[in-house]
Amino acid sequence: MKFGGTSVADPDAIKRLIEIVRARAQSRPAPVVVVSALARVTDALVHVTRLAEEGESRRAGDELRALVDRHVAVAAAVTTERRAAVTAEVRCEFDELIGLVHALAVLREVSPRSLDAVLAVGELVSSRIVAAALADCGIPSAWVDARHVLITDAEHNAAGPDSAETCARTHARVAPLSASGTVAVLGGFIGSTANGVTTTLGRGGSDYSAAIFGACLGTGEIQIWTDVDGMLTADPRVVPQPRVVPHLSFSEASELAYFGAKVLHPSTILPAVAKSIPVRILNSRRPENGGTLITAQTQPVDGKLTAIACKREVTVIDITSTRMLMAHGFLRRLFEVFERFKTAVDVVTTSEVSVSVTVDDTRRLDAIVDNLRSFADVSCEPDMAIICAVGENLRGDPTLFGRAVTALDRIPLRLVSQAASRRNVTFVLRNSDVPHAMMRLHEAFF
């Protein structure tokens, strides 16, 4: 059971979490709980590191002390017997963090490794608070340091899990607690290298942590508790009153998560797919609702798409060269550049002499363009977006593609792509056209 930041945002949210866990804590094995940092804490810690880079030690310290006060207040509101102990643990974690941030401010440099050490504190303290709150309410629970269980490589800020070692440690440190009826509580998003250096899985990685632990344990279901009723037919910030999708396939969920459905981290589905474990998305404010169930297979409704998603702020890169014509090896050379700079590509379209790709990570864009220009003409177009229409029905109903394109009549489309799986149709268009395009597609299909 993974609870996101909004599900542990304040004392009331944590009390709702306790009742949700209590309803399931009588089962054997007991549920395993994975929690994110309190709402907005990770953003605050990122801001603290920026202040440190600017040498603003005093302002960084003030912000950290405000975070200490917030966590101590939350801990005090949800605990009684364990209040003194958990408050001391929270203060100890933050005291170490204040010392680290002061050193970073002196150096005016925050390395990826240091950033992971700073960001990890949010999950460490929230999970300690939740474990203490559960125990104080009579639910047998134990805090487990996720860094001693989730073992990763040393790719800081986006670490990859070592599945074999993580599963071995999960069976050694988490499974016995669960089997005995004790709720194990871990922070999401964080792990460590084999040498014990703190790492993170990247923003939104708490979902991924929960899925990894669930897959290692062979659990019956992985639950993602959030602040919406499930996976929606569209982003509610763009389309008013979208519908809940009650059931979708692993493949559909992966496409939607990758192309911008915020409710789910793109990597979450992978461990579940490997073990065919259902994933359920639920609303911690309305736990009685059925949410969205994600399984290996689903029964698509005739004539329907499943949902649409959008990813904003992408850049289109056009690579043109007459050397492509009737030539082999060109695409290999082209994509080796993106591999060299560890930059993922979302959409690819090709013609006889040109390739167009989209990227949403532009940190290394200048270097990528410089390398590409050694063998091709290159141009970039920022401020673009991707809209992805997803549904198993796209594989069997050729009219859906035409209906989707027709719905976007008179909206300039930069690229159009349908994947080999034929589960999605992808449109690349200007950022400014996204609201209108999403509304038109949603009206046409939902």
Protein backbone atom coordinates (compact mmCIF):
# COMPACT_ATOMS: atom_id res chain seq x y z
CA MET A 1 0.00 0.00 0.00
CA LYS A 2 1.68 3.19 -1.18
CA PHE A 3 0.47 6.54 0.14
CA GLY A 4 1.49 9.65 -1.79
CA GLY A 5 2.36 13.07 -0.43
CA THR A 6 -1.24 14.32 -0.37
CA SER A 7 -2.23 11.19 1.61
CA VAL A 8 0.27 12.13 4.36
CA ALA A 9 0.00 15.90 3.98
CA ASP A 10 -1.19 16.73 7.50
CA PRO A 11 -2.55 15.10 10.69
CA ASP A 12 -6.02 14.58 9.17
CA ALA A 13 -4.54 12.82 6.14
CA ILE A 14 -2.42 10.55 8.34
CA LYS A 15 -5.48 9.69 10.48
CA ARG A 16 -7.30 8.66 7.28
CA LEU A 17 -4.28 6.53 6.35
CA ILE A 18 -4.43 4.83 9.76
CA GLU A 19 -8.08 3.86 9.30
CA ILE A 20 -7.41 2.56 5.77
CA VAL A 21 -4.53 0.40 7.04
CA ARG A 22 -6.50 -0.71 10.12
CA ALA A 23 -9.22 -2.15 7.86
CA ARG A 24 -6.63 -4.42 6.23
CA ALA A 25 -4.20 -5.01 9.10
CA GLN A 26 -6.01 -8.09 10.43
CA SER A 27 -5.07 -10.10 7.35
CA ARG A 28 -2.03 -12.37 7.12
CA PRO A 29 0.41 -11.47 5.83
CA ALA A 30 -0.08 -7.91 7.08
CA PRO A 31 0.08 -5.13 4.49
CA VAL A 32 3.35 -3.36 3.75
CA VAL A 33 3.06 0.45 3.75
CA VAL A 34 5.23 2.73 1.61
CA VAL A 35 4.92 6.49 2.10
CA SER A 36 6.09 9.57 0.26
CA ALA A 37 7.34 12.74 1.90
CA LEU A 38 4.66 15.06 3.27
CA ALA A 39 3.03 17.14 0.53
CA ARG A 40 5.35 19.80 -0.95
CA VAL A 41 8.30 18.77 1.22
CA THR A 42 10.39 17.41 -1.66
CA ASP A 43 9.86 20.68 -3.57
CA ALA A 44 10.95 22.60 -0.47
CA LEU A 45 14.10 20.48 -0.15
CA VAL A 46 14.94 21.10 -3.82
CA HIS A 47 14.61 24.83 -3.14
CA VAL A 48 16.93 24.49 -0.14
CA THR A 49 19.62 22.95 -2.37
CA ARG A 50 19.29 25.87 -4.81
CA LEU A 51 19.80 28.30 -1.95
CA ALA A 52 22.86 26.31 -0.91
CA GLU A 53 24.29 26.58 -4.43
CA GLU A 54 23.84 30.34 -4.21
CA GLY A 55 25.65 30.42 -0.88
CA GLU A 56 22.46 31.46 0.96
CA SER A 57 23.22 29.42 4.07
CA ARG A 58 21.03 31.49 6.40
CA ARG A 59 17.93 31.37 4.17
CA ALA A 60 18.42 27.62 3.62
CA GLY A 61 18.66 27.13 7.37
CA ASP A 62 15.49 29.14 7.97
CA GLU A 63 13.58 26.99 5.46
CA LEU A 64 14.86 23.79 7.05
CA ARG A 65 13.87 24.95 10.52
CA ALA A 66 10.37 25.68 9.18
CA LEU A 67 10.26 22.08 7.88
CA VAL A 68 11.39 20.80 11.29
CA ASP A 69 8.54 22.71 12.96
CA ARG A 70 6.01 21.35 10.47
CA HIS A 71 7.10 17.73 10.94
CA VAL A 72 7.26 18.02 14.73
CA ALA A 73 3.74 19.50 14.77
CA VAL A 74 2.40 16.68 12.57
CA ALA A 75 4.16 14.04 14.70
CA ALA A 76 2.76 15.55 17.89
CA ALA A 77 -0.78 15.55 16.47
CA VAL A 78 -0.79 11.84 15.48
CA THR A 79 1.16 10.24 18.34
CA THR A 80 0.89 9.96 22.14
CA GLU A 81 3.07 7.27 23.71
CA ARG A 82 5.72 7.49 21.02
CA ARG A 83 5.60 11.29 20.65
CA ALA A 84 8.88 12.00 22.44
CA ALA A 85 10.76 9.25 20.61
CA VAL A 86 9.54 10.10 17.10
CA THR A 87 10.04 13.83 17.68
CA ALA A 88 13.63 13.15 18.71
CA GLU A 89 14.15 11.04 15.57
CA VAL A 90 12.73 13.79 13.35
CA ARG A 91 14.95 16.43 14.94
CA CYS A 92 18.00 14.18 14.61
CA GLU A 93 17.41 13.64 10.86
CA PHE A 94 17.01 17.38 10.30
CA ASP A 95 20.01 18.30 12.46
CA GLU A 96 22.18 16.14 10.19
CA LEU A 97 20.55 17.69 7.13
CA ILE A 98 21.14 21.27 8.40
CA GLY A 99 24.83 20.43 8.84
CA LEU A 100 25.04 18.97 5.33
CA VAL A 101 23.28 21.95 3.73
CA HIS A 102 25.57 24.38 5.57
CA ALA A 103 28.60 22.56 4.12
CA LEU A 104 27.04 22.60 0.62
CA ALA A 105 26.44 26.37 0.97
CA VAL A 106 30.10 26.90 1.84
CA LEU A 107 31.14 24.95 -1.28
CA ARG A 108 28.31 26.47 -3.37
CA GLU A 109 27.97 23.12 -5.09
CA VAL A 110 25.35 20.36 -4.85
CA SER A 111 26.41 17.16 -6.59
CA PRO A 112 23.83 14.53 -7.65
CA ARG A 113 25.00 12.41 -4.70
CA SER A 114 24.48 15.30 -2.27
CA LEU A 115 21.06 16.06 -3.76
CA ASP A 116 19.96 12.47 -3.09
CA ALA A 117 21.13 12.76 0.54
CA VAL A 118 19.07 15.93 0.98
CA LEU A 119 15.89 14.72 -0.74
CA ALA A 120 15.90 11.38 1.08
CA VAL A 121 15.17 13.09 4.40
CA GLY A 122 11.56 13.83 3.40
CA GLU A 123 10.73 10.13 3.11
CA LEU A 124 12.82 9.12 6.10
CA VAL A 125 10.94 11.40 8.50
CA SER A 126 7.44 10.86 7.04
CA SER A 127 7.81 7.07 7.27
CA ARG A 128 9.03 7.32 10.87
CA ILE A 129 6.01 9.45 11.77
CA VAL A 130 3.54 7.08 10.08
CA ALA A 131 5.07 4.00 11.74
CA ALA A 132 4.82 5.64 15.17
CA ALA A 133 1.25 6.83 14.52
CA LEU A 134 0.12 3.32 13.49
CA ALA A 135 1.69 1.79 16.60
CA ASP A 136 0.11 4.39 18.89
CA CYS A 137 -3.29 3.49 17.44
CA GLY A 138 -2.85 -0.16 18.34
CA ILE A 139 -1.76 -1.42 14.92
CA PRO A 140 1.43 -3.51 15.22
CA SER A 141 3.96 -1.71 13.03
CA ALA A 142 7.70 -1.31 12.52
CA TRP A 143 9.75 1.29 10.70
CA VAL A 144 12.17 -0.18 8.15
CA ASP A 145 14.91 1.97 6.61
CA ALA A 146 14.28 1.59 2.88
CA ARG A 147 17.96 2.30 2.22
CA HIS A 148 18.78 -1.07 3.80
CA VAL A 149 16.32 -2.89 1.52
CA LEU A 150 16.16 -1.20 -1.89
CA ILE A 151 19.62 -1.59 -3.42
CA THR A 152 20.40 0.34 -6.59
CA ASP A 153 23.18 1.33 -8.94
CA ALA A 154 25.04 4.62 -8.41
CA GLU A 155 23.09 6.64 -11.01
CA HIS A 156 22.15 9.36 -8.53
CA ASN A 157 18.77 11.12 -8.94
CA ALA A 158 17.52 8.31 -11.23
CA ALA A 159 18.92 5.10 -9.75
CA GLY A 160 18.07 1.68 -11.16
CA PRO A 161 17.22 -1.11 -8.71
CA ASP A 162 19.29 -4.26 -8.28
CA SER A 163 16.34 -6.66 -8.39
CA ALA A 164 18.10 -9.75 -7.04
CA GLU A 165 19.70 -8.02 -4.04
CA THR A 166 16.58 -5.96 -3.30
CA CYS A 167 14.36 -9.06 -3.31
CA ALA A 168 16.81 -10.93 -1.06
CA ARG A 169 16.76 -8.07 1.45
CA THR A 170 12.98 -7.67 1.19
CA HIS A 171 12.55 -11.35 2.08
CA ALA A 172 15.03 -11.02 4.95
CA ARG A 173 13.84 -7.73 6.49
CA VAL A 174 10.22 -7.12 5.41
CA ALA A 175 8.60 -10.51 4.81
CA PRO A 176 9.09 -11.80 8.40
CA LEU A 177 7.38 -8.68 9.81
CA SER A 178 4.45 -9.04 7.47
CA ALA A 179 4.12 -12.77 8.16
CA SER A 180 3.96 -12.08 11.91
CA GLY A 181 1.14 -9.55 11.49
CA THR A 182 3.32 -6.45 11.78
CA VAL A 183 2.83 -3.62 9.28
CA ALA A 184 6.25 -2.73 7.85
CA VAL A 185 6.50 1.00 7.00
CA LEU A 186 9.14 2.20 4.53
CA GLY A 187 9.90 5.47 2.80
CA GLY A 188 9.36 5.41 -0.94
CA PHE A 189 11.67 6.79 -3.62
CA ILE A 190 14.88 6.11 -1.66
CA GLY A 191 17.47 3.36 -1.68
CA SER A 192 21.21 2.98 -1.48
CA THR A 193 24.12 1.53 -3.38
CA ALA A 194 25.69 -1.76 -2.30
CA ASN A 195 28.21 0.41 -0.42
CA GLY A 196 25.47 2.16 1.54
CA VAL A 197 25.45 5.51 -0.29
CA THR A 198 21.93 7.03 -0.37
CA THR A 199 20.24 7.13 -3.79
CA THR A 200 16.82 8.08 -5.14
CA LEU A 201 14.73 6.60 -7.96
CA GLY A 202 13.78 10.01 -9.34
CA ARG A 203 10.73 12.20 -8.71
CA GLY A 204 7.55 10.17 -8.35
CA GLY A 205 9.58 7.08 -7.50
CA SER A 206 7.55 6.11 -4.42
CA ASP A 207 5.11 4.28 -6.71
CA TYR A 208 8.07 2.43 -8.17
CA SER A 209 9.38 1.52 -4.70
CA ALA A 210 6.01 0.05 -3.74
CA ALA A 211 5.81 -1.98 -6.94
CA ILE A 212 9.35 -3.31 -6.43
CA PHE A 213 8.60 -4.42 -2.86
CA GLY A 214 5.24 -5.86 -3.94
CA ALA A 215 6.84 -7.83 -6.76
CA CYS A 216 9.57 -9.15 -4.46
CA LEU A 217 6.95 -10.32 -1.95
CA GLY A 218 4.65 -11.77 -4.63
CA THR A 219 1.78 -9.80 -3.08
CA GLY A 220 -1.81 -10.19 -4.23
CA GLU A 221 -2.25 -6.52 -5.13
CA ILE A 222 -0.28 -3.28 -5.24
CA GLN A 223 -2.36 -0.29 -4.14
CA ILE A 224 -1.48 3.30 -5.02
CA TRP A 225 -3.37 5.64 -2.65
CA THR A 226 -3.59 9.19 -3.96
CA ASP A 227 -5.97 12.19 -4.03
CA VAL A 228 -8.03 11.25 -7.12
CA ASP A 229 -10.55 8.45 -7.64
CA GLY A 230 -8.33 6.52 -10.08
CA MET A 231 -6.90 6.85 -13.55
CA LEU A 232 -8.96 9.46 -15.38
CA THR A 233 -9.92 9.79 -19.03
CA ALA A 234 -7.93 13.07 -19.14
CA ASP A 235 -5.96 15.45 -16.93
CA PRO A 236 -8.57 17.30 -14.80
CA ARG A 237 -6.39 20.42 -14.91
CA VAL A 238 -6.96 20.54 -18.67
CA VAL A 239 -10.35 18.88 -19.19
CA PRO A 240 -13.17 19.64 -16.72
CA GLN A 241 -14.88 16.62 -15.15
CA PRO A 242 -13.07 13.70 -16.77
CA ARG A 243 -14.36 10.20 -16.01
CA VAL A 244 -12.71 7.48 -13.95
CA VAL A 245 -11.42 4.54 -15.99
CA PRO A 246 -12.51 1.52 -13.92
CA HIS A 247 -10.30 -1.08 -15.61
CA LEU A 248 -7.36 -0.93 -17.99
CA SER A 249 -4.50 -3.14 -19.10
CA PHE A 250 -0.86 -2.96 -18.06
CA SER A 251 0.02 -1.81 -21.58
CA GLU A 252 -2.55 0.99 -21.58
CA ALA A 253 -1.48 2.15 -18.11
CA SER A 254 2.19 2.20 -19.14
CA GLU A 255 1.43 4.34 -22.19
CA LEU A 256 -0.70 6.78 -20.18
CA ALA A 257 1.85 7.06 -17.37
CA TYR A 258 4.74 7.63 -19.76
CA PHE A 259 2.86 10.27 -21.70
CA GLY A 260 1.86 12.37 -18.74
CA ALA A 261 -0.86 10.75 -16.59
CA LYS A 262 0.38 12.14 -13.25
CA VAL A 263 -1.48 9.61 -11.12
CA LEU A 264 1.10 6.91 -11.84
CA HIS A 265 4.89 6.90 -12.15
CA PRO A 266 5.92 5.54 -15.59
CA SER A 267 8.08 2.78 -14.11
CA THR A 268 5.46 1.57 -11.61
CA ILE A 269 3.91 -0.99 -13.87
CA LEU A 270 7.15 -2.79 -14.79
CA PRO A 271 7.66 -4.92 -11.65
CA ALA A 272 3.91 -5.65 -11.55
CA VAL A 273 3.89 -6.78 -15.19
CA ALA A 274 6.79 -9.14 -14.52
CA LYS A 275 4.82 -10.91 -11.78
CA SER A 276 1.28 -10.29 -13.18
CA ILE A 277 0.30 -8.49 -9.96
CA PRO A 278 -2.80 -6.28 -10.24
CA VAL A 279 -2.29 -2.59 -9.45
CA ARG A 280 -5.19 -0.60 -8.00
CA ILE A 281 -5.33 3.21 -7.83
CA LEU A 282 -7.46 4.50 -4.95
CA ASN A 283 -8.46 7.80 -3.34
CA SER A 284 -7.42 8.10 0.32
CA ARG A 285 -10.13 10.72 0.84
CA ARG A 286 -12.82 8.37 -0.51
CA PRO A 287 -11.58 4.85 0.26
CA GLU A 288 -15.02 3.36 -0.38
CA ASN A 289 -14.69 4.07 -4.13
CA GLY A 290 -13.54 1.21 -6.32
CA GLY A 291 -10.78 3.19 -8.07
CA THR A 292 -9.00 1.87 -11.14
CA LEU A 293 -7.83 -1.72 -11.46
CA ILE A 294 -4.88 -2.40 -13.77
CA THR A 295 -4.40 -6.00 -14.89
CA ALA A 296 -2.60 -7.93 -17.63
CA GLN A 297 -5.72 -8.06 -19.82
CA THR A 298 -8.92 -6.05 -20.08
CA GLN A 299 -12.13 -6.12 -22.10
CA PRO A 300 -12.23 -2.92 -24.18
CA VAL A 301 -15.60 -1.30 -24.82
CA ASP A 302 -16.44 -1.21 -28.53
CA GLY A 303 -15.86 2.11 -30.22
CA LYS A 304 -14.08 3.61 -27.25
CA LEU A 305 -10.62 4.82 -26.37
CA THR A 306 -9.45 4.24 -22.82
CA ALA A 307 -8.03 7.68 -22.01
CA ILE A 308 -5.94 10.57 -23.32
CA ALA A 309 -2.82 12.04 -21.72
CA CYS A 310 -0.59 15.00 -22.44
CA LYS A 311 3.05 15.81 -21.84
CA ARG A 312 3.93 19.51 -21.95
CA GLU A 313 7.20 21.36 -22.57
CA VAL A 314 8.79 19.01 -25.07
CA THR A 315 11.24 19.94 -27.83
CA VAL A 316 11.14 18.66 -31.41
CA ILE A 317 14.53 17.98 -32.99
CA ASP A 318 14.64 17.68 -36.79
CA ILE A 319 17.69 15.89 -38.24
CA THR A 320 18.07 16.10 -42.02
CA SER A 321 20.77 14.65 -44.27
CA THR A 322 20.94 13.42 -47.85
CA ARG A 323 23.35 10.80 -46.50
CA MET A 324 20.29 8.99 -45.11
CA LEU A 325 19.06 8.18 -48.60
CA MET A 326 19.56 4.44 -49.27
CA ALA A 327 22.19 4.37 -46.51
CA HIS A 328 22.56 1.89 -43.67
CA GLY A 329 23.98 2.80 -40.27
CA PHE A 330 22.61 6.36 -40.23
CA LEU A 331 19.95 5.75 -37.59
CA ARG A 332 22.41 3.84 -35.41
CA ARG A 333 24.79 6.78 -35.53
CA LEU A 334 21.97 9.21 -34.79
CA PHE A 335 20.60 7.37 -31.74
CA GLU A 336 24.06 6.71 -30.36
CA VAL A 337 24.24 10.46 -29.75
CA PHE A 338 21.15 10.34 -27.53
CA GLU A 339 22.53 7.29 -25.75
CA ARG A 340 25.86 9.01 -25.14
CA PHE A 341 24.11 11.90 -23.42
CA LYS A 342 21.61 9.67 -21.57
CA THR A 343 18.58 11.42 -23.04
CA ALA A 344 15.38 9.49 -23.74
CA VAL A 345 13.41 10.04 -26.94
CA ASP A 346 9.59 9.94 -26.85
CA VAL A 347 8.31 10.14 -30.42
CA VAL A 348 10.16 9.27 -33.64
CA THR A 349 9.05 9.88 -37.22
CA THR A 350 11.15 9.34 -40.34
CA SER A 351 11.12 10.12 -44.05
CA GLU A 352 13.63 9.39 -46.80
CA VAL A 353 16.08 12.07 -45.70
CA SER A 354 14.95 13.26 -42.27
CA VAL A 355 14.20 12.08 -38.76
CA SER A 356 12.16 14.03 -36.20
CA VAL A 357 12.25 13.15 -32.51
CA THR A 358 10.88 14.68 -29.33
CA VAL A 359 12.66 14.99 -25.97
CA ASP A 360 11.44 16.39 -22.67
CA ASP A 361 14.85 16.43 -20.96
CA THR A 362 16.76 19.37 -22.46
CA ARG A 363 19.63 19.50 -19.94
CA ARG A 364 22.08 18.15 -22.55
CA LEU A 365 20.33 19.49 -25.64
CA ASP A 366 23.16 21.82 -26.74
CA ALA A 367 25.70 19.00 -26.64
CA ILE A 368 23.33 16.65 -28.49
CA VAL A 369 22.76 19.20 -31.25
CA ASP A 370 26.50 19.88 -31.57
CA ASN A 371 27.19 16.16 -32.01
CA LEU A 372 24.36 15.66 -34.50
CA ARG A 373 25.58 18.60 -36.59
CA SER A 374 28.82 16.72 -37.29
CA PHE A 375 26.90 14.60 -39.81
CA ALA A 376 23.49 16.27 -40.42
CA ASP A 377 21.56 19.53 -40.46
CA VAL A 378 19.71 20.03 -37.18
CA SER A 379 16.95 22.38 -36.03
CA CYS A 380 15.03 22.52 -32.75
CA GLU A 381 11.51 23.67 -31.95
CA PRO A 382 10.76 24.21 -28.23
CA ASP A 383 7.42 24.87 -26.53
CA MET A 384 5.77 21.80 -28.01
CA ALA A 385 3.59 19.11 -26.42
CA ILE A 386 2.55 15.51 -26.91
CA ILE A 387 -1.03 14.27 -26.74
CA CYS A 388 -1.43 10.51 -26.60
CA ALA A 389 -4.76 8.76 -27.21
CA VAL A 390 -4.64 5.26 -25.74
CA GLY A 391 -6.85 2.20 -26.06
CA GLU A 392 -6.68 -1.50 -26.84
CA ASN A 393 -9.46 -0.88 -29.39
CA LEU A 394 -7.02 0.97 -31.65
CA ARG A 395 -5.61 -2.42 -32.63
CA GLY A 396 -8.90 -3.73 -34.01
CA ASP A 397 -10.92 -0.68 -35.05
CA PRO A 398 -9.25 1.34 -37.83
CA THR A 399 -11.94 4.02 -37.65
CA LEU A 400 -10.68 5.24 -34.26
CA PHE A 401 -7.50 6.68 -35.79
CA GLY A 402 -9.56 8.63 -38.32
CA ARG A 403 -11.95 9.89 -35.64
CA ALA A 404 -9.04 11.11 -33.53
CA VAL A 405 -7.44 13.00 -36.44
CA THR A 406 -10.81 14.45 -37.49
CA ALA A 407 -11.43 15.67 -33.92
CA LEU A 408 -8.28 17.81 -34.24
CA ASP A 409 -9.34 19.40 -37.53
CA ARG A 410 -7.82 22.89 -37.97
CA ILE A 411 -5.36 22.37 -35.08
CA PRO A 412 -1.80 22.38 -36.54
CA LEU A 413 -0.20 18.99 -35.93
CA ARG A 414 3.60 18.89 -36.04
CA LEU A 415 3.99 15.09 -35.95
CA VAL A 416 1.56 12.16 -35.92
CA SER A 417 2.62 8.64 -34.95
CA GLN A 418 1.00 5.29 -34.30
CA ALA A 419 3.12 2.75 -32.44
CA ALA A 420 3.67 -0.79 -33.69
CA SER A 421 1.59 -2.06 -30.75
CA ARG A 422 -1.28 0.05 -32.14
CA ARG A 423 -2.45 0.87 -28.65
CA ASN A 424 -1.85 4.60 -29.02
CA VAL A 425 -2.00 7.48 -31.45
CA THR A 426 0.44 10.28 -30.66
CA PHE A 427 0.14 13.89 -31.78
CA VAL A 428 2.86 16.51 -31.39
CA LEU A 429 1.57 20.08 -31.41
CA ARG A 430 2.19 23.48 -29.87
CA ASN A 431 1.91 23.85 -26.11
CA SER A 432 -0.63 26.61 -26.57
CA ASP A 433 -2.97 24.29 -28.54
CA VAL A 434 -3.11 21.55 -25.87
CA PRO A 435 -6.23 22.69 -23.93
CA HIS A 436 -8.30 23.07 -27.11
CA ALA A 437 -7.03 19.78 -28.56
CA MET A 438 -7.63 17.83 -25.34
CA MET A 439 -11.16 19.21 -25.05
CA ARG A 440 -11.94 18.26 -28.67
CA LEU A 441 -10.61 14.70 -28.27
CA HIS A 442 -12.37 14.20 -24.96
CA GLU A 443 -15.66 15.44 -26.37
CA ALA A 444 -15.32 13.12 -29.38
CA PHE A 445 -14.63 9.93 -27.37
CA PHE A 446 -16.00 10.45 -23.87
